[in-house]
């Protein structure tokens, strides 16, 4: 059996993001030409979760503090994307990373946020779990059962897809909305019958109690995209800061792929997670450079939004493209202007 090389994985990841070689070369040339002259903001508050590998590596290495020495940089950890985006929407953050569902719920609630970047899909990094001794054997068996999930998280959409794949209606299950920590406790004491969750919580549970996997995101054709979001005023005032952020985030991803032992140690030291847990969830994570949202990614995210509205889980339909940052024209002009 042959295995793809790191370079082939990176090419595939870039293709998934819909970023052409030309546009990336131009963006890279622009970033390198401008990064030294980029004036950092007065403050930069970054929201992250334990699953945000690239951000965690940047935090541990102190990279942004070096790139923006005059900026007060704060790092705030959140248990899940919905809580992070709530902080972003009320002005407590400038920038953060979530899965696919949180921005949909935020947009439906009228939050003034922008999608500014994306990482490739991670369909193997989320799963619907049951305990090893559970009588549930197939997706159809979740009918009438209590299923733990963080409301508005990427796992929420995973559960939507599981219900759909089973041929059930949303009303056929009993969703129990819990944070990952509370859901883990409820799952282990059998207060819920199943749990929809993402890494690293998935990996930690898998190694600790050996649950059974009813389905993963890959099984359910759930892309599990990751998105960088920012407050609109920050984007308008500091577009070139975002370019530096993406440059450094993609460098962090190269470390995660090419120096995996170092990356695992950085993440384990930061998170307090066992190195075996970190190794497992990093193993499931594809190469994840950061790029602007492609039309295909926006269309995929629109399907997520439409599914939630169809089920009555968000109060109104949303047009994802309305809050996608499209800086290409201005940046191309700047990149080709006279020095």
Protein backbone atom coordinates (compact mmCIF):
# COMPACT_ATOMS: atom_id res chain seq x y z
CA UNK A 1 0.00 0.00 0.00
CA UNK A 2 1.32 3.46 -0.86
CA UNK A 3 0.71 6.49 1.27
CA UNK A 4 0.31 10.09 0.07
CA UNK A 5 3.26 12.34 0.76
CA UNK A 6 2.96 15.45 2.86
CA UNK A 7 3.26 17.55 -0.29
CA UNK A 8 0.45 15.67 -2.03
CA UNK A 9 -1.73 16.08 1.04
CA UNK A 10 -1.07 19.82 1.07
CA UNK A 11 -1.91 20.08 -2.64
CA UNK A 12 -5.15 18.22 -2.05
CA UNK A 13 -5.98 20.47 0.89
CA UNK A 14 -5.40 23.59 -1.20
CA UNK A 15 -7.58 22.17 -3.96
CA UNK A 16 -10.36 21.54 -1.45
CA UNK A 17 -10.16 25.18 -0.46
CA UNK A 18 -10.49 26.14 -4.11
CA UNK A 19 -7.33 28.26 -4.05
CA UNK A 20 -5.47 28.28 -7.36
CA UNK A 21 -1.70 28.16 -7.56
CA UNK A 22 -1.73 31.59 -9.15
CA UNK A 23 -3.80 33.25 -6.46
CA UNK A 24 -1.77 31.68 -3.67
CA UNK A 25 1.51 32.69 -5.29
CA UNK A 26 0.24 36.23 -5.65
CA UNK A 27 -1.10 36.30 -2.10
CA UNK A 28 2.19 34.91 -0.79
CA UNK A 29 4.20 37.50 -2.72
CA UNK A 30 1.97 40.23 -1.35
CA UNK A 31 2.17 38.94 2.22
CA UNK A 32 5.96 38.71 2.20
CA UNK A 33 6.27 42.14 0.63
CA UNK A 34 3.95 43.76 3.14
CA UNK A 35 4.23 41.80 6.40
CA UNK A 36 7.28 43.65 7.67
CA UNK A 37 5.43 46.95 7.23
CA UNK A 38 2.09 45.82 8.66
CA UNK A 39 1.06 47.93 11.61
CA UNK A 40 -0.53 45.75 14.24
CA UNK A 41 -3.73 46.78 16.01
CA UNK A 42 -3.63 48.20 19.51
CA UNK A 43 -5.04 44.92 20.79
CA UNK A 44 -5.80 41.50 19.30
CA UNK A 45 -7.99 39.11 21.29
CA UNK A 46 -8.07 35.62 19.81
CA UNK A 47 -10.65 33.00 20.69
CA UNK A 48 -9.68 29.36 20.36
CA UNK A 49 -10.66 25.84 21.38
CA UNK A 50 -8.46 22.85 22.13
CA UNK A 51 -9.24 21.59 18.61
CA UNK A 52 -7.70 24.70 17.00
CA UNK A 53 -4.34 23.12 16.25
CA UNK A 54 -2.83 25.95 14.21
CA UNK A 55 -3.86 28.60 16.73
CA UNK A 56 -2.62 26.56 19.67
CA UNK A 57 0.79 26.14 18.02
CA UNK A 58 1.00 29.90 17.37
CA UNK A 59 0.08 30.60 20.98
CA UNK A 60 2.65 28.20 22.36
CA UNK A 61 5.42 29.52 20.10
CA UNK A 62 4.65 33.19 20.74
CA UNK A 63 4.79 33.86 17.01
CA UNK A 64 2.21 36.64 16.85
CA UNK A 65 3.73 38.45 19.79
CA UNK A 66 6.92 38.64 17.71
CA UNK A 67 5.14 39.73 14.53
CA UNK A 68 3.16 42.43 16.35
CA UNK A 69 5.41 43.58 19.21
CA UNK A 70 3.36 46.71 19.84
CA UNK A 71 0.05 44.85 20.07
CA UNK A 72 -1.56 43.60 23.28
CA UNK A 73 -2.38 40.01 22.31
CA UNK A 74 -4.77 37.99 24.46
CA UNK A 75 -5.72 34.34 24.04
CA UNK A 76 -9.10 33.21 25.36
CA UNK A 77 -10.15 29.57 25.43
CA UNK A 78 -13.77 28.47 24.87
CA UNK A 79 -15.42 25.06 25.28
CA UNK A 80 -17.12 25.28 21.88
CA UNK A 81 -17.79 27.51 18.90
CA UNK A 82 -21.15 29.01 19.97
CA UNK A 83 -19.64 30.50 23.11
CA UNK A 84 -16.68 31.82 21.14
CA UNK A 85 -18.86 33.56 18.56
CA UNK A 86 -21.06 35.08 21.25
CA UNK A 87 -17.93 36.71 22.68
CA UNK A 88 -16.88 37.83 19.21
CA UNK A 89 -20.29 39.35 18.52
CA UNK A 90 -20.32 41.46 21.70
CA UNK A 91 -16.86 42.90 21.12
CA UNK A 92 -14.86 40.71 23.50
CA UNK A 93 -12.78 39.19 20.68
CA UNK A 94 -11.42 40.21 17.29
CA UNK A 95 -10.71 36.80 15.75
CA UNK A 96 -11.43 33.12 16.28
CA UNK A 97 -11.94 29.65 14.81
CA UNK A 98 -15.06 27.47 14.89
CA UNK A 99 -16.65 24.57 13.05
CA UNK A 100 -19.38 24.84 10.44
CA UNK A 101 -22.55 25.25 12.51
CA UNK A 102 -21.72 28.09 14.95
CA UNK A 103 -21.51 30.80 12.26
CA UNK A 104 -24.89 29.71 10.87
CA UNK A 105 -26.57 30.14 14.25
CA UNK A 106 -24.74 33.44 14.80
CA UNK A 107 -25.82 34.82 11.42
CA UNK A 108 -29.42 33.75 12.01
CA UNK A 109 -29.31 35.63 15.32
CA UNK A 110 -28.15 38.79 13.55
CA UNK A 111 -24.55 38.79 14.81
CA UNK A 112 -22.27 41.11 12.84
CA UNK A 113 -19.44 38.72 11.96
CA UNK A 114 -17.49 37.87 8.83
CA UNK A 115 -16.13 34.57 7.54
CA UNK A 116 -12.55 35.54 6.72
CA UNK A 117 -10.81 32.21 6.14
CA UNK A 118 -11.21 28.45 6.08
CA UNK A 119 -9.33 25.22 6.64
CA UNK A 120 -10.05 22.04 4.66
CA UNK A 121 -12.79 19.64 5.83
CA UNK A 122 -12.07 17.23 8.68
CA UNK A 123 -14.75 14.54 8.25
CA UNK A 124 -12.91 11.97 10.39
CA UNK A 125 -12.69 14.29 13.39
CA UNK A 126 -16.28 13.99 14.62
CA UNK A 127 -18.47 11.03 15.46
CA UNK A 128 -21.72 9.80 16.95
CA UNK A 129 -20.76 7.60 19.91
CA UNK A 130 -22.51 5.02 22.07
CA UNK A 131 -21.15 3.10 25.04
CA UNK A 132 -19.61 -0.25 24.28
CA UNK A 133 -22.44 -2.12 26.03
CA UNK A 134 -25.19 -0.04 24.42
CA UNK A 135 -28.05 -1.87 22.67
CA UNK A 136 -27.89 0.72 19.88
CA UNK A 137 -26.25 -0.86 16.84
CA UNK A 138 -27.36 1.21 13.86
CA UNK A 139 -28.30 4.82 13.22
CA UNK A 140 -31.95 3.82 13.08
CA UNK A 141 -31.66 2.73 16.71
CA UNK A 142 -31.37 6.32 17.91
CA UNK A 143 -35.11 6.75 17.35
CA UNK A 144 -36.69 7.84 20.61
CA UNK A 145 -33.29 8.08 22.30
CA UNK A 146 -31.58 10.88 24.20
CA UNK A 147 -28.59 12.20 22.26
CA UNK A 148 -26.15 14.66 23.82
CA UNK A 149 -24.79 17.45 21.63
CA UNK A 150 -23.53 21.00 22.02
CA UNK A 151 -26.25 23.15 20.49
CA UNK A 152 -25.06 25.09 17.46
CA UNK A 153 -21.78 23.19 17.22
CA UNK A 154 -20.34 21.24 14.30
CA UNK A 155 -21.54 18.09 16.06
CA UNK A 156 -25.08 19.47 15.87
CA UNK A 157 -24.93 19.25 12.09
CA UNK A 158 -23.36 15.80 12.34
CA UNK A 159 -26.42 14.73 14.32
CA UNK A 160 -28.74 16.31 11.75
CA UNK A 161 -27.01 14.23 9.06
CA UNK A 162 -27.23 11.08 11.19
CA UNK A 163 -30.97 11.51 11.64
CA UNK A 164 -31.36 12.11 7.91
CA UNK A 165 -29.25 9.06 7.01
CA UNK A 166 -31.31 6.89 9.37
CA UNK A 167 -34.51 7.90 7.57
CA UNK A 168 -35.84 9.57 10.72
CA UNK A 169 -37.32 12.97 11.50
CA UNK A 170 -35.69 15.38 13.94
CA UNK A 171 -38.70 14.92 16.23
CA UNK A 172 -37.88 11.20 16.40
CA UNK A 173 -34.92 11.83 18.71
CA UNK A 174 -34.50 13.67 22.00
CA UNK A 175 -31.56 16.06 21.66
CA UNK A 176 -29.99 16.95 25.00
CA UNK A 177 -28.02 20.17 24.67
CA UNK A 178 -24.86 20.02 26.78
CA UNK A 179 -21.32 21.38 26.67
CA UNK A 180 -18.67 18.78 25.85
CA UNK A 181 -17.60 18.37 29.50
CA UNK A 182 -21.17 17.94 30.74
CA UNK A 183 -22.00 15.65 27.83
CA UNK A 184 -19.05 13.38 28.63
CA UNK A 185 -20.25 13.03 32.22
CA UNK A 186 -23.84 12.35 31.15
CA UNK A 187 -22.65 9.85 28.55
CA UNK A 188 -20.56 7.87 31.04
CA UNK A 189 -23.33 7.68 33.64
CA UNK A 190 -25.82 6.65 30.94
CA UNK A 191 -28.04 9.70 31.34
CA UNK A 192 -27.96 9.92 27.54
CA UNK A 193 -27.94 7.12 25.00
CA UNK A 194 -25.56 8.60 22.44
CA UNK A 195 -23.24 11.56 22.02
CA UNK A 196 -22.33 13.61 18.95
CA UNK A 197 -18.87 15.08 19.50
CA UNK A 198 -15.66 16.29 17.86
CA UNK A 199 -11.94 16.03 18.52
CA UNK A 200 -10.12 16.21 20.88
CA UNK A 201 -13.10 15.23 23.08
CA UNK A 202 -13.81 12.36 20.70
CA UNK A 203 -10.22 11.09 20.92
CA UNK A 204 -10.06 11.49 24.70
CA UNK A 205 -13.28 9.51 25.16
CA UNK A 206 -12.20 6.89 22.66
CA UNK A 207 -8.98 6.16 24.53
CA UNK A 208 -10.51 6.40 28.01
CA UNK A 209 -13.63 4.25 27.74
CA UNK A 210 -13.56 2.64 24.27
CA UNK A 211 -17.04 3.65 23.06
CA UNK A 212 -18.47 2.35 19.80
CA UNK A 213 -18.75 4.64 16.81
CA UNK A 214 -22.14 4.59 15.11
CA UNK A 215 -20.96 6.97 12.39
CA UNK A 216 -18.27 9.53 11.63
CA UNK A 217 -18.55 12.69 9.59
CA UNK A 218 -17.07 10.80 6.66
CA UNK A 219 -19.78 8.13 6.92
CA UNK A 220 -22.44 10.84 6.88
CA UNK A 221 -20.94 13.07 4.17
CA UNK A 222 -20.60 15.81 6.78
CA UNK A 223 -17.62 17.91 5.70
CA UNK A 224 -16.89 19.38 9.13
CA UNK A 225 -15.34 22.54 7.73
CA UNK A 226 -13.42 24.91 10.01
CA UNK A 227 -13.80 28.67 9.66
CA UNK A 228 -11.92 31.70 10.87
CA UNK A 229 -14.27 34.54 11.75
CA UNK A 230 -13.65 38.12 12.73
CA UNK A 231 -15.54 41.17 13.87
CA UNK A 232 -16.48 43.36 10.92
CA UNK A 233 -14.86 46.55 12.32
CA UNK A 234 -11.59 44.67 12.82
CA UNK A 235 -11.64 43.34 9.24
CA UNK A 236 -12.34 46.79 7.83
CA UNK A 237 -9.59 48.43 9.87
CA UNK A 238 -6.90 45.73 9.64
CA UNK A 239 -7.21 43.59 6.49
CA UNK A 240 -3.43 43.16 6.23
CA UNK A 241 -3.25 41.84 9.79
CA UNK A 242 -5.48 39.01 8.60
CA UNK A 243 -3.00 38.24 5.83
CA UNK A 244 -0.20 37.95 8.40
CA UNK A 245 -2.41 35.75 10.58
CA UNK A 246 -3.11 33.39 7.69
CA UNK A 247 0.56 33.28 6.72
CA UNK A 248 1.56 32.28 10.25
CA UNK A 249 -1.35 29.86 10.69
CA UNK A 250 -0.32 28.03 7.53
CA UNK A 251 3.26 27.87 8.79
CA UNK A 252 1.95 26.38 12.03
CA UNK A 253 0.13 23.76 9.98
CA UNK A 254 3.37 22.81 8.29
CA UNK A 255 4.85 22.17 11.72
CA UNK A 256 1.85 20.00 12.61
CA UNK A 257 2.40 17.96 9.45
CA UNK A 258 6.18 17.84 9.13
CA UNK A 259 7.29 17.89 12.78
CA UNK A 260 4.43 15.98 14.32
CA UNK A 261 6.24 15.02 17.54
CA UNK A 262 7.02 18.67 18.24
CA UNK A 263 3.43 19.67 17.49
CA UNK A 264 2.03 16.96 19.76
CA UNK A 265 4.26 18.12 22.62
CA UNK A 266 3.26 21.77 22.14
CA UNK A 267 -0.44 20.91 22.15
CA UNK A 268 -0.20 18.45 25.04
CA UNK A 269 1.80 20.91 27.16
CA UNK A 270 -0.76 23.62 26.52
CA UNK A 271 -3.97 21.63 26.84
CA UNK A 272 -3.12 19.19 29.58
CA UNK A 273 -4.33 16.40 27.31
CA UNK A 274 -2.46 13.12 27.28
CA UNK A 275 0.01 12.93 24.41
CA UNK A 276 -1.77 9.80 23.17
CA UNK A 277 -5.02 11.75 22.86
CA UNK A 278 -3.30 14.55 20.97
CA UNK A 279 -1.56 12.05 18.71
CA UNK A 280 -4.86 10.37 17.84
CA UNK A 281 -6.72 13.53 16.95
CA UNK A 282 -3.74 14.96 15.03
CA UNK A 283 -3.59 11.69 13.09
CA UNK A 284 -7.20 12.18 11.95
CA UNK A 285 -6.59 15.79 10.98
CA UNK A 286 -5.61 16.46 7.35
CA UNK A 287 -3.14 19.10 6.26
CA UNK A 288 -4.92 22.36 7.11
CA UNK A 289 -3.43 25.48 5.53
CA UNK A 290 -5.61 28.56 5.70
CA UNK A 291 -7.19 30.18 2.65
CA UNK A 292 -10.05 32.42 1.65
CA UNK A 293 -13.44 30.75 1.24
CA UNK A 294 -13.94 29.27 -2.21
CA UNK A 295 -17.32 29.26 -3.93
CA UNK A 296 -17.53 25.52 -3.29
CA UNK A 297 -16.93 26.01 0.43
CA UNK A 298 -19.58 28.74 0.58
CA UNK A 299 -22.04 26.44 -1.21
CA UNK A 300 -21.27 23.64 1.23
CA UNK A 301 -21.84 25.98 4.16
CA UNK A 302 -25.11 27.16 2.61
CA UNK A 303 -26.32 23.55 2.66
CA UNK A 304 -25.59 23.46 6.39
CA UNK A 305 -27.60 26.64 6.92
CA UNK A 306 -30.50 25.41 4.79
CA UNK A 307 -30.66 22.14 6.72
CA UNK A 308 -30.93 23.92 10.06
CA UNK A 309 -33.64 26.25 8.77
CA UNK A 310 -35.63 23.40 7.23
CA UNK A 311 -35.72 21.70 10.64
CA UNK A 312 -36.73 24.90 12.42
CA UNK A 313 -33.48 24.97 14.38
CA UNK A 314 -32.68 28.54 13.33
CA UNK A 315 -35.37 31.26 13.22
CA UNK A 316 -34.86 32.48 9.66
CA UNK A 317 -33.06 31.53 6.44
CA UNK A 318 -29.61 33.00 5.94
CA UNK A 319 -27.48 33.67 2.89
CA UNK A 320 -23.97 32.65 3.88
CA UNK A 321 -22.36 34.64 1.06
CA UNK A 322 -23.63 37.87 2.65
CA UNK A 323 -21.05 37.64 5.43
CA UNK A 324 -18.07 36.19 3.51
CA UNK A 325 -15.06 38.48 3.28
CA UNK A 326 -14.06 38.98 -0.37
CA UNK A 327 -10.83 40.99 -0.37
CA UNK A 328 -9.36 39.69 -3.63
CA UNK A 329 -9.91 42.72 -5.87
CA UNK A 330 -8.39 45.26 -3.48
CA UNK A 331 -5.45 43.02 -2.65
CA UNK A 332 -4.71 42.25 -6.30
CA UNK A 333 -4.65 45.98 -7.00
CA UNK A 334 -2.33 46.60 -4.06
CA UNK A 335 -0.06 43.72 -5.02
CA UNK A 336 0.41 45.04 -8.54
CA UNK A 337 0.72 48.73 -7.64
CA UNK A 338 4.01 50.56 -7.86
CA UNK A 339 6.25 50.22 -4.80
